[in-house]
PDB file of N, CA and C in Angstrom:
ATOM      1  N   MET A   1     -18.283   2.300  16.899  1.00  0.00           N
ATOM      2  CA  MET A   1     -17.312   1.726  18.031  1.00  0.00           C
ATOM      3  C   MET A   1     -16.001   2.433  17.314  1.00  0.00           C
ATOM      4  N   SER A   2     -15.317   2.800  18.298  1.00  0.00           N
ATOM      5  CA  SER A   2     -13.738   3.094  17.438  1.00  0.00           C
ATOM      6  C   SER A   2     -12.993   1.855  17.569  1.00  0.00           C
ATOM      7  N   LEU A   3     -11.747   1.589  16.773  1.00  0.00           N
ATOM      8  CA  LEU A   3     -10.578   0.425  16.825  1.00  0.00           C
ATOM      9  C   LEU A   3     -10.559  -0.065  18.107  1.00  0.00           C
ATOM     10  N   VAL A   4     -10.548   1.349  18.990  1.00  0.00           N
ATOM     11  CA  VAL A   4      -9.944   0.901  19.987  1.00  0.00           C
ATOM     12  C   VAL A   4     -10.413   0.655  21.401  1.00  0.00           C
ATOM     13  N   LYS A   5     -11.653   1.277  21.412  1.00  0.00           N
ATOM     14  CA  LYS A   5     -12.946   0.345  21.875  1.00  0.00           C
ATOM     15  C   LYS A   5     -13.326  -1.166  21.626  1.00  0.00           C
ATOM     16  N   TYR A   6     -12.771  -0.958  20.433  1.00  0.00           N
ATOM     17  CA  TYR A   6     -13.177  -2.725  20.152  1.00  0.00           C
ATOM     18  C   TYR A   6     -12.469  -3.783  20.393  1.00  0.00           C
ATOM     19  N   ALA A   7     -11.095  -3.063  20.517  1.00  0.00           N
ATOM     20  CA  ALA A   7      -9.758  -4.296  20.467  1.00  0.00           C
ATOM     21  C   ALA A   7      -9.704  -3.876  22.352  1.00  0.00           C
ATOM     22  N   SER A   8     -10.315  -3.148  22.856  1.00  0.00           N
ATOM     23  CA  SER A   8     -10.207  -3.831  24.189  1.00  0.00           C
ATOM     24  C   SER A   8     -11.413  -4.289  24.594  1.00  0.00           C
ATOM     25  N   LEU A   9     -12.563  -3.993  24.085  1.00  0.00           N
ATOM     26  CA  LEU A   9     -13.497  -5.115  24.543  1.00  0.00           C
ATOM     27  C   LEU A   9     -13.637  -6.662  24.466  1.00  0.00           C
ATOM     28  N   ARG A  10     -12.687  -6.695  23.179  1.00  0.00           N
ATOM     29  CA  ARG A  10     -11.915  -8.188  22.638  1.00  0.00           C
ATOM     30  C   ARG A  10     -10.870  -8.605  23.126  1.00  0.00           C
ATOM     31  N   ARG A  11     -10.371  -7.519  23.970  1.00  0.00           N
ATOM     32  CA  ARG A  11      -9.132  -7.709  25.340  1.00  0.00           C
ATOM     33  C   ARG A  11      -7.809  -7.837  23.937  1.00  0.00           C
ATOM     34  N   LEU A  12      -7.836  -7.533  22.836  1.00  0.00           N
ATOM     35  CA  LEU A  12      -7.030  -7.194  21.972  1.00  0.00           C
ATOM     36  C   LEU A  12      -5.563  -6.451  22.284  1.00  0.00           C
ATOM     37  N   GLN A  13      -5.010  -6.662  21.486  1.00  0.00           N
ATOM     38  CA  GLN A  13      -3.405  -5.587  21.496  1.00  0.00           C
ATOM     39  C   GLN A  13      -2.931  -4.916  20.596  1.00  0.00           C
ATOM     40  N   LEU A  14      -3.411  -3.541  20.381  1.00  0.00           N
ATOM     41  CA  LEU A  14      -3.250  -3.102  18.515  1.00  0.00           C
ATOM     42  C   LEU A  14      -1.904  -2.362  18.530  1.00  0.00           C
ATOM     43  N   ILE A  15      -0.467  -3.123  17.799  1.00  0.00           N
ATOM     44  CA  ILE A  15       0.566  -1.892  18.049  1.00  0.00           C
ATOM     45  C   ILE A  15       1.149  -1.564  16.598  1.00  0.00           C
ATOM     46  N   THR A  16       1.217  -0.625  16.441  1.00  0.00           N
ATOM     47  CA  THR A  16       1.804   0.677  15.332  1.00  0.00           C
ATOM     48  C   THR A  16       2.504  -0.052  14.548  1.00  0.00           C
ATOM     49  N   ALA A  17       2.807   0.550  13.283  1.00  0.00           N
ATOM     50  CA  ALA A  17       3.772  -0.430  12.256  1.00  0.00           C
ATOM     51  C   ALA A  17       5.208   0.149  13.042  1.00  0.00           C
ATOM     52  N   ALA A  18       5.386   0.850  13.368  1.00  0.00           N
ATOM     53  CA  ALA A  18       7.191   1.361  14.416  1.00  0.00           C
ATOM     54  C   ALA A  18       7.296   0.541  14.581  1.00  0.00           C
ATOM     55  N   ASP A  19       6.008  -0.078  16.379  1.00  0.00           N
ATOM     56  CA  ASP A  19       6.484  -1.129  17.091  1.00  0.00           C
ATOM     57  C   ASP A  19       7.206  -2.310  16.321  1.00  0.00           C
ATOM     58  N   PHE A  20       5.754  -2.462  15.498  1.00  0.00           N
ATOM     59  CA  PHE A  20       6.004  -3.764  14.834  1.00  0.00           C
ATOM     60  C   PHE A  20       7.664  -3.912  13.911  1.00  0.00           C
ATOM     61  N   ASN A  21       8.070  -3.379  13.618  1.00  0.00           N
ATOM     62  CA  ASN A  21       9.413  -2.681  12.729  1.00  0.00           C
ATOM     63  C   ASN A  21      10.428  -2.696  13.768  1.00  0.00           C
ATOM     64  N   GLU A  22       9.846  -2.642  14.562  1.00  0.00           N
ATOM     65  CA  GLU A  22      10.944  -2.602  15.820  1.00  0.00           C
ATOM     66  C   GLU A  22      11.050  -4.208  16.346  1.00  0.00           C
ATOM     67  N   LYS A  23       9.942  -4.917  16.092  1.00  0.00           N
ATOM     68  CA  LYS A  23      10.016  -6.839  16.908  1.00  0.00           C
ATOM     69  C   LYS A  23      11.145  -7.180  15.051  1.00  0.00           C
ATOM     70  N   LEU A  24      10.720  -6.815  14.556  1.00  0.00           N
ATOM     71  CA  LEU A  24      10.683  -7.550  13.174  1.00  0.00           C
ATOM     72  C   LEU A  24      12.593  -7.349  13.188  1.00  0.00           C
ATOM     73  N   HIS A  25      12.842  -6.042  13.454  1.00  0.00           N
ATOM     74  CA  HIS A  25      14.435  -5.776  13.759  1.00  0.00           C
ATOM     75  C   HIS A  25      15.557  -6.766  14.955  1.00  0.00           C
ATOM     76  N   GLU A  26      14.562  -6.536  15.985  1.00  0.00           N
ATOM     77  CA  GLU A  26      15.022  -7.239  17.109  1.00  0.00           C
ATOM     78  C   GLU A  26      15.288  -8.695  16.719  1.00  0.00           C
ATOM     79  N   ARG A  27      14.246  -9.399  15.864  1.00  0.00           N
ATOM     80  CA  ARG A  27      14.095 -10.689  15.402  1.00  0.00           C
ATOM     81  C   ARG A  27      15.472 -11.378  14.335  1.00  0.00           C
ATOM     82  N   GLY A  28      16.015 -10.125  13.904  1.00  0.00           N
ATOM     83  CA  GLY A  28      16.633 -10.658  12.932  1.00  0.00           C
ATOM     84  C   GLY A  28      16.984  -9.554  11.608  1.00  0.00           C
ATOM     85  N   ALA A  29      15.414  -9.009  10.931  1.00  0.00           N
ATOM     86  CA  ALA A  29      15.403  -9.015   9.602  1.00  0.00           C
ATOM     87  C   ALA A  29      16.489  -7.372   9.871  1.00  0.00           C
ATOM     88  N   PRO A  30      16.326  -6.834   8.306  1.00  0.00           N
ATOM     89  CA  PRO A  30      17.722  -5.896   8.209  1.00  0.00           C
ATOM     90  C   PRO A  30      16.587  -4.589   8.650  1.00  0.00           C
ATOM     91  N   ARG A  31      17.575  -3.520   8.672  1.00  0.00           N
ATOM     92  CA  ARG A  31      16.772  -2.291   8.611  1.00  0.00           C
ATOM     93  C   ARG A  31      15.466  -1.747   7.800  1.00  0.00           C
ATOM     94  N   MET A  32      16.699  -2.145   6.578  1.00  0.00           N
ATOM     95  CA  MET A  32      15.380  -1.828   5.297  1.00  0.00           C
ATOM     96  C   MET A  32      14.630  -2.151   5.110  1.00  0.00           C
ATOM     97  N   VAL A  33      13.959  -2.855   5.954  1.00  0.00           N
ATOM     98  CA  VAL A  33      12.409  -3.815   5.329  1.00  0.00           C
ATOM     99  C   VAL A  33      11.687  -3.241   6.577  1.00  0.00           C
ATOM    100  N   THR A  34      10.836  -2.676   5.762  1.00  0.00           N
ATOM    101  CA  THR A  34       9.766  -2.314   7.386  1.00  0.00           C
ATOM    102  C   THR A  34       8.718  -2.890   6.206  1.00  0.00           C
ATOM    103  N   VAL A  35       7.554  -2.574   7.877  1.00  0.00           N
ATOM    104  CA  VAL A  35       5.966  -2.973   7.495  1.00  0.00           C
ATOM    105  C   VAL A  35       5.773  -1.878   6.573  1.00  0.00           C
ATOM    106  N   GLN A  36       5.944  -0.629   6.331  1.00  0.00           N
ATOM    107  CA  GLN A  36       5.426   0.322   5.360  1.00  0.00           C
ATOM    108  C   GLN A  36       5.658  -0.328   3.454  1.00  0.00           C
ATOM    109  N   LYS A  37       7.026  -0.792   3.702  1.00  0.00           N
ATOM    110  CA  LYS A  37       7.167  -1.373   2.434  1.00  0.00           C
ATOM    111  C   LYS A  37       6.553  -2.477   1.692  1.00  0.00           C
ATOM    112  N   ILE A  38       6.548  -3.230   2.905  1.00  0.00           N
ATOM    113  CA  ILE A  38       5.875  -4.614   2.288  1.00  0.00           C
ATOM    114  C   ILE A  38       4.199  -4.260   1.976  1.00  0.00           C
ATOM    115  N   CYS A  39       3.435  -3.573   3.002  1.00  0.00           N
ATOM    116  CA  CYS A  39       2.475  -2.913   2.350  1.00  0.00           C
ATOM    117  C   CYS A  39       2.414  -2.063   1.220  1.00  0.00           C
ATOM    118  N   ARG A  40       3.312  -1.458   0.592  1.00  0.00           N
ATOM    119  CA  ARG A  40       3.533  -0.913  -0.175  1.00  0.00           C
ATOM    120  C   ARG A  40       3.717  -1.811  -1.676  1.00  0.00           C
ATOM    121  N   SER A  41       4.808  -2.885  -1.449  1.00  0.00           N
ATOM    122  CA  SER A  41       4.849  -4.073  -1.822  1.00  0.00           C
ATOM    123  C   SER A  41       3.904  -4.803  -2.534  1.00  0.00           C
ATOM    124  N   ALA A  42       3.071  -4.934  -1.733  1.00  0.00           N
ATOM    125  CA  ALA A  42       1.824  -6.314  -1.582  1.00  0.00           C
ATOM    126  C   ALA A  42       0.743  -5.704  -2.555  1.00  0.00           C
ATOM    127  N   LYS A  43       0.015  -6.803  -3.021  1.00  0.00           N
ATOM    128  CA  LYS A  43      -0.906  -6.179  -3.944  1.00  0.00           C
ATOM    129  C   LYS A  43      -2.333  -6.714  -3.496  1.00  0.00           C
ATOM    130  N   ASN A  44      -2.155  -7.428  -2.068  1.00  0.00           N
ATOM    131  CA  ASN A  44      -3.466  -7.801  -1.281  1.00  0.00           C
ATOM    132  C   ASN A  44      -2.871  -8.044   0.166  1.00  0.00           C
ATOM    133  N   GLU A  45      -4.606  -7.744   1.130  1.00  0.00           N
ATOM    134  CA  GLU A  45      -3.972  -8.150   2.053  1.00  0.00           C
ATOM    135  C   GLU A  45      -3.506  -9.655   2.492  1.00  0.00           C
ATOM    136  N   THR A  46      -3.941 -10.165   1.841  1.00  0.00           N
ATOM    137  CA  THR A  46      -3.313 -11.910   1.786  1.00  0.00           C
ATOM    138  C   THR A  46      -1.885 -11.664   1.652  1.00  0.00           C
ATOM    139  N   GLU A  47      -1.422 -11.130   0.555  1.00  0.00           N
ATOM    140  CA  GLU A  47       0.564 -10.937   0.933  1.00  0.00           C
ATOM    141  C   GLU A  47       1.031 -10.402   1.732  1.00  0.00           C
ATOM    142  N   VAL A  48       0.479  -9.369   2.096  1.00  0.00           N
ATOM    143  CA  VAL A  48       1.005  -8.721   3.181  1.00  0.00           C
ATOM    144  C   VAL A  48       1.230  -9.662   4.432  1.00  0.00           C
ATOM    145  N   ARG A  49      -0.139 -10.596   4.709  1.00  0.00           N
ATOM    146  CA  ARG A  49      -0.019 -11.752   5.881  1.00  0.00           C
ATOM    147  C   ARG A  49       1.450 -12.948   5.677  1.00  0.00           C
ATOM    148  N   GLU A  50       0.992 -13.201   4.346  1.00  0.00           N
ATOM    149  CA  GLU A  50       2.021 -14.392   3.852  1.00  0.00           C
ATOM    150  C   GLU A  50       3.443 -13.470   4.165  1.00  0.00           C
ATOM    151  N   ALA A  51       3.709 -12.893   3.628  1.00  0.00           N
ATOM    152  CA  ALA A  51       5.201 -12.186   3.890  1.00  0.00           C
ATOM    153  C   ALA A  51       5.538 -11.910   5.252  1.00  0.00           C
ATOM    154  N   LEU A  52       4.979 -11.133   5.885  1.00  0.00           N
ATOM    155  CA  LEU A  52       4.673 -11.029   6.903  1.00  0.00           C
ATOM    156  C   LEU A  52       5.281 -12.212   8.084  1.00  0.00           C
ATOM    157  N   ASP A  53       4.532 -13.346   7.952  1.00  0.00           N
ATOM    158  CA  ASP A  53       4.337 -14.264   8.761  1.00  0.00           C
ATOM    159  C   ASP A  53       5.908 -15.070   7.987  1.00  0.00           C
ATOM    160  N   ALA A  54       6.101 -15.143   6.894  1.00  0.00           N
ATOM    161  CA  ALA A  54       7.728 -15.481   6.435  1.00  0.00           C
ATOM    162  C   ALA A  54       8.613 -15.406   7.026  1.00  0.00           C
ATOM    163  N   MET A  55       8.737 -13.654   7.112  1.00  0.00           N
ATOM    164  CA  MET A  55       9.701 -12.879   7.442  1.00  0.00           C
ATOM    165  C   MET A  55       9.561 -13.100   9.403  1.00  0.00           C
ATOM    166  N   TRP A  56       8.509 -13.318   9.993  1.00  0.00           N
ATOM    167  CA  TRP A  56       8.825 -13.439  11.194  1.00  0.00           C
ATOM    168  C   TRP A  56       9.571 -15.125  11.767  1.00  0.00           C
ATOM    169  N   LYS A  57       8.807 -15.906  10.647  1.00  0.00           N
ATOM    170  CA  LYS A  57       9.365 -17.299  10.942  1.00  0.00           C
ATOM    171  C   LYS A  57      11.247 -17.170  10.692  1.00  0.00           C
ATOM    172  N   ASP A  58      11.469 -16.797   9.495  1.00  0.00           N
ATOM    173  CA  ASP A  58      12.809 -16.772   9.079  1.00  0.00           C
ATOM    174  C   ASP A  58      12.988 -15.174   8.752  1.00  0.00           C
ATOM    175  N   PRO A  59      13.462 -14.081  10.075  1.00  0.00           N
ATOM    176  CA  PRO A  59      13.835 -13.110   8.985  1.00  0.00           C
ATOM    177  C   PRO A  59      14.978 -12.585   8.496  1.00  0.00           C
ATOM    178  N   THR A  60      16.452 -13.589   8.355  1.00  0.00           N
ATOM    179  CA  THR A  60      17.194 -14.122   7.641  1.00  0.00           C
ATOM    180  C   THR A  60      16.930 -13.433   5.775  1.00  0.00           C
ATOM    181  N   THR A  61      15.494 -13.812   5.548  1.00  0.00           N
ATOM    182  CA  THR A  61      14.876 -14.161   4.538  1.00  0.00           C
ATOM    183  C   THR A  61      14.278 -13.010   4.001  1.00  0.00           C
ATOM    184  N   SER A  62      13.863 -11.926   4.993  1.00  0.00           N
ATOM    185  CA  SER A  62      13.151 -10.841   4.670  1.00  0.00           C
ATOM    186  C   SER A  62      13.399  -9.948   3.485  1.00  0.00           C
ATOM    187  N   GLU A  63      14.723  -9.790   3.350  1.00  0.00           N
ATOM    188  CA  GLU A  63      15.219  -8.473   1.830  1.00  0.00           C
ATOM    189  C   GLU A  63      15.201  -9.287   1.144  1.00  0.00           C
ATOM    190  N   ALA A  64      14.939 -10.487   0.852  1.00  0.00           N
ATOM    191  CA  ALA A  64      14.474 -10.748  -0.447  1.00  0.00           C
ATOM    192  C   ALA A  64      12.738 -11.378  -1.052  1.00  0.00           C
ATOM    193  N   ILE A  65      12.489 -11.693   0.638  1.00  0.00           N
ATOM    194  CA  ILE A  65      10.994 -11.741   0.176  1.00  0.00           C
ATOM    195  C   ILE A  65      10.143 -10.501  -0.498  1.00  0.00           C
ATOM    196  N   LEU A  66      11.122  -9.138   0.079  1.00  0.00           N
ATOM    197  CA  LEU A  66      10.712  -8.455  -0.242  1.00  0.00           C
ATOM    198  C   LEU A  66      10.346  -7.920  -1.567  1.00  0.00           C
ATOM    199  N   ARG A  67      12.016  -8.297  -1.667  1.00  0.00           N
ATOM    200  CA  ARG A  67      12.577  -7.857  -3.278  1.00  0.00           C
ATOM    201  C   ARG A  67      11.241  -8.738  -4.032  1.00  0.00           C
ATOM    202  N   GLU A  68      10.894 -10.004  -3.599  1.00  0.00           N
ATOM    203  CA  GLU A  68      10.656 -11.062  -4.691  1.00  0.00           C
ATOM    204  C   GLU A  68       9.072 -10.384  -4.775  1.00  0.00           C
ATOM    205  N   LEU A  69       8.372  -9.255  -3.668  1.00  0.00           N
ATOM    206  CA  LEU A  69       7.094  -9.061  -3.872  1.00  0.00           C
ATOM    207  C   LEU A  69       6.846  -7.798  -5.046  1.00  0.00           C
ATOM    208  N   TRP A  70       8.040  -6.751  -4.843  1.00  0.00           N
ATOM    209  CA  TRP A  70       8.002  -6.294  -5.545  1.00  0.00           C
ATOM    210  C   TRP A  70       8.452  -6.377  -6.967  1.00  0.00           C
ATOM    211  N   THR A  71       9.059  -7.456  -7.447  1.00  0.00           N
ATOM    212  CA  THR A  71       8.887  -7.713  -8.701  1.00  0.00           C
ATOM    213  C   THR A  71       7.569  -8.344  -9.037  1.00  0.00           C
ATOM    214  N   ARG A  72       7.557  -9.016  -8.254  1.00  0.00           N
ATOM    215  CA  ARG A  72       6.014 -10.228  -8.637  1.00  0.00           C
ATOM    216  C   ARG A  72       5.159  -8.411  -9.214  1.00  0.00           C
ATOM    217  N   ASN A  73       4.908  -7.571  -8.496  1.00  0.00           N
ATOM    218  CA  ASN A  73       4.072  -7.038  -8.507  1.00  0.00           C
ATOM    219  C   ASN A  73       4.298  -5.569  -9.156  1.00  0.00           C
ATOM    220  N   GLU A  74       5.403  -5.701 -10.033  1.00  0.00           N
ATOM    221  CA  GLU A  74       6.185  -4.544 -10.419  1.00  0.00           C
ATOM    222  C   GLU A  74       5.242  -3.701 -11.433  1.00  0.00           C
ATOM    223  N   GLU A  75       4.881  -4.522 -12.287  1.00  0.00           N
ATOM    224  CA  GLU A  75       3.732  -4.917 -13.860  1.00  0.00           C
ATOM    225  C   GLU A  75       2.679  -3.902 -13.198  1.00  0.00           C
ATOM    226  N   LEU A  76       2.030  -4.450 -11.837  1.00  0.00           N
ATOM    227  CA  LEU A  76       0.543  -4.082 -11.153  1.00  0.00           C
ATOM    228  C   LEU A  76       1.043  -2.425 -11.068  1.00  0.00           C
ATOM    229  N   TYR A  77       1.902  -1.822 -10.722  1.00  0.00           N
ATOM    230  CA  TYR A  77       2.427  -0.738 -10.014  1.00  0.00           C
ATOM    231  C   TYR A  77       2.632  -0.028 -11.024  1.00  0.00           C
ATOM    232  N   LYS A  78       3.104  -0.219 -12.347  1.00  0.00           N
ATOM    233  CA  LYS A  78       3.477   0.357 -13.362  1.00  0.00           C
ATOM    234  C   LYS A  78       1.926   0.583 -13.936  1.00  0.00           C
ATOM    235  N   PHE A  79       0.918  -0.040 -14.167  1.00  0.00           N
ATOM    236  CA  PHE A  79      -0.545   0.311 -14.566  1.00  0.00           C
ATOM    237  C   PHE A  79      -1.025   1.385 -13.407  1.00  0.00           C
ATOM    238  N   GLU A  80      -0.900   0.804 -12.630  1.00  0.00           N
ATOM    239  CA  GLU A  80      -1.755   2.226 -11.248  1.00  0.00           C
ATOM    240  C   GLU A  80      -1.183   3.631 -11.694  1.00  0.00           C
ATOM    241  N   GLU A  81       0.062   3.652 -11.643  1.00  0.00           N
ATOM    242  CA  GLU A  81       1.121   4.528 -12.087  1.00  0.00           C
ATOM    243  C   GLU A  81       0.130   5.174 -13.347  1.00  0.00           C
ATOM    244  N   ILE A  82      -0.165   4.095 -14.586  1.00  0.00           N
ATOM    245  CA  ILE A  82      -0.387   4.922 -16.204  1.00  0.00           C
ATOM    246  C   ILE A  82      -1.873   5.867 -15.544  1.00  0.00           C
ATOM    247  N   LEU A  83      -2.688   4.549 -14.401  1.00  0.00           N
ATOM    248  CA  LEU A  83      -4.079   5.098 -14.454  1.00  0.00           C
ATOM    249  C   LEU A  83      -3.713   6.670 -13.551  1.00  0.00           C
ATOM    250  N   GLU A  84      -3.250   6.668 -12.904  1.00  0.00           N
ATOM    251  CA  GLU A  84      -3.108   7.997 -11.759  1.00  0.00           C
ATOM    252  C   GLU A  84      -2.813   8.815 -12.954  1.00  0.00           C
ATOM    253  N   ASP A  85      -1.581   8.483 -13.724  1.00  0.00           N
ATOM    254  CA  ASP A  85      -1.442   9.710 -14.992  1.00  0.00           C
ATOM    255  C   ASP A  85      -2.497  10.327 -16.221  1.00  0.00           C
ATOM    256  N   THR A  86      -3.401   9.000 -16.019  1.00  0.00           N
ATOM    257  CA  THR A  86      -4.263   9.259 -17.277  1.00  0.00           C
ATOM    258  C   THR A  86      -5.617  10.279 -16.671  1.00  0.00           C
ATOM    259  N   LYS A  87      -5.306   9.882 -15.186  1.00  0.00           N
ATOM    260  CA  LYS A  87      -6.796  10.355 -14.311  1.00  0.00           C
ATOM    261  C   LYS A  87      -6.569  12.053 -14.095  1.00  0.00           C
ATOM    262  N   THR A  88      -5.031  12.559 -14.243  1.00  0.00           N
ATOM    263  CA  THR A  88      -4.422  13.197 -13.638  1.00  0.00           C
ATOM    264  C   THR A  88      -4.605  14.253 -15.155  1.00  0.00           C
ATOM    265  N   ASN A  89      -4.534  13.920 -16.322  1.00  0.00           N
ATOM    266  CA  ASN A  89      -4.677  14.750 -17.419  1.00  0.00           C
ATOM    267  C   ASN A  89      -5.999  14.505 -17.939  1.00  0.00           C
ATOM    268  N   ILE A  90      -6.862  14.055 -17.500  1.00  0.00           N
ATOM    269  CA  ILE A  90      -8.535  13.803 -17.921  1.00  0.00           C
ATOM    270  C   ILE A  90      -9.186  15.196 -17.315  1.00  0.00           C
ATOM    271  N   LYS A  91      -8.676  15.368 -15.946  1.00  0.00           N
ATOM    272  CA  LYS A  91      -9.495  15.861 -15.263  1.00  0.00           C
ATOM    273  C   LYS A  91      -9.220  17.083 -15.631  1.00  0.00           C
ATOM    274  N   PRO A  92      -8.316  17.734 -16.419  1.00  0.00           N
ATOM    275  CA  PRO A  92      -8.403  19.282 -16.475  1.00  0.00           C
ATOM    276  C   PRO A  92      -9.369  19.734 -17.387  1.00  0.00           C
ATOM    277  N   LEU A  93      -9.249  18.161 -18.553  1.00  0.00           N
ATOM    278  CA  LEU A  93      -9.928  18.851 -19.454  1.00  0.00           C
ATOM    279  C   LEU A  93     -11.162  18.513 -19.487  1.00  0.00           C
ATOM    280  N   MET A  94     -11.788  17.845 -18.373  1.00  0.00           N
ATOM    281  CA  MET A  94     -13.536  17.780 -17.824  1.00  0.00           C
ATOM    282  C   MET A  94     -13.877  19.001 -17.187  1.00  0.00           C
ATOM    283  N   ASN A  95     -12.571  20.059 -16.871  1.00  0.00           N
ATOM    284  CA  ASN A  95     -13.243  21.197 -15.974  1.00  0.00           C
ATOM    285  C   ASN A  95     -13.556  22.223 -16.979  1.00  0.00           C
ATOM    286  N   ASP A  96     -12.880  21.966 -19.037  1.00  0.00           N
ATOM    287  CA  ASP A  96     -12.665  23.513 -19.312  1.00  0.00           C
ATOM    288  C   ASP A  96     -14.051  22.911 -20.056  1.00  0.00           C
ATOM    289  N   ARG A  97     -15.121  23.093 -19.724  1.00  0.00           N
ATOM    290  CA  ARG A  97     -15.773  23.757 -20.699  1.00  0.00           C
ATOM    291  C   ARG A  97     -16.063  24.518 -21.365  1.00  0.00           C
ATOM    292  N   VAL A  98     -16.380  24.553 -22.951  1.00  0.00           N
ATOM    293  CA  VAL A  98     -16.894  25.638 -23.717  1.00  0.00           C
ATOM    294  C   VAL A  98     -18.044  26.122 -23.927  1.00  0.00           C
ATOM    295  N   VAL A  99     -18.371  27.272 -24.189  1.00  0.00           N
ATOM    296  CA  VAL A  99     -19.885  27.963 -24.667  1.00  0.00           C
ATOM    297  C   VAL A  99     -19.958  27.607 -26.076  1.00  0.00           C
ATOM    298  N   SER A 100     -21.072  27.460 -26.911  1.00  0.00           N
ATOM    299  CA  SER A 100     -20.957  26.964 -27.818  1.00  0.00           C
ATOM    300  C   SER A 100     -21.672  28.755 -28.607  1.00  0.00           C
ATOM    301  N   ASN A 101     -20.944  29.576 -29.239  1.00  0.00           N
ATOM    302  CA  ASN A 101     -21.585  30.823 -29.904  1.00  0.00           C
ATOM    303  C   ASN A 101     -22.525  30.500 -30.649  1.00  0.00           C
ATOM    304  N   VAL A 102     -22.925  29.393 -30.802  1.00  0.00           N
ATOM    305  CA  VAL A 102     -23.945  29.587 -32.023  1.00  0.00           C
ATOM    306  C   VAL A 102     -25.124  28.735 -30.818  1.00  0.00           C
ATOM    307  N   THR A 103     -25.604  27.812 -30.077  1.00  0.00           N
ATOM    308  CA  THR A 103     -26.313  27.487 -29.116  1.00  0.00           C
ATOM    309  C   THR A 103     -26.415  28.215 -28.048  1.00  0.00           C
ATOM    310  N   GLY A 104     -25.205  28.852 -27.484  1.00  0.00           N
ATOM    311  CA  GLY A 104     -24.949  29.077 -26.397  1.00  0.00           C
ATOM    312  C   GLY A 104     -25.166  28.192 -25.146  1.00  0.00           C
ATOM    313  N   SER A 105     -25.042  26.633 -26.114  1.00  0.00           N
ATOM    314  CA  SER A 105     -25.218  25.923 -24.287  1.00  0.00           C
ATOM    315  C   SER A 105     -23.769  25.439 -24.683  1.00  0.00           C
ATOM    316  N   VAL A 106     -23.611  24.438 -22.989  1.00  0.00           N
ATOM    317  CA  VAL A 106     -22.499  24.562 -22.723  1.00  0.00           C
ATOM    318  C   VAL A 106     -21.617  23.109 -23.466  1.00  0.00           C
ATOM    319  N   VAL A 107     -20.452  23.302 -24.237  1.00  0.00           N
ATOM    320  CA  VAL A 107     -20.230  22.074 -24.754  1.00  0.00           C
ATOM    321  C   VAL A 107     -18.727  21.139 -23.893  1.00  0.00           C
TER     322      VAL A 107
END
């Protein structure tokens, strides 16, 4: 069952990130604050919900909340970048198999 069908059966209204951004900005949040940036800055769904809830209650604090999320999780993102770089650098090594001249097997 698709998300749209499920939402319809449960009588839920789905909104897009762009729609939510528009609502946040109408409430007074700065244009630089977006749902996408919040999702990228938060480490998990709980942080996303907490940040959006706080921003909805007091849109004037939106920039500070986003900045605090980024600062709090900055080391996590640096670690993820290191993992990505490592994965990218190891993959070619794993694909470069060498056939041994002595045994004829792949090394």
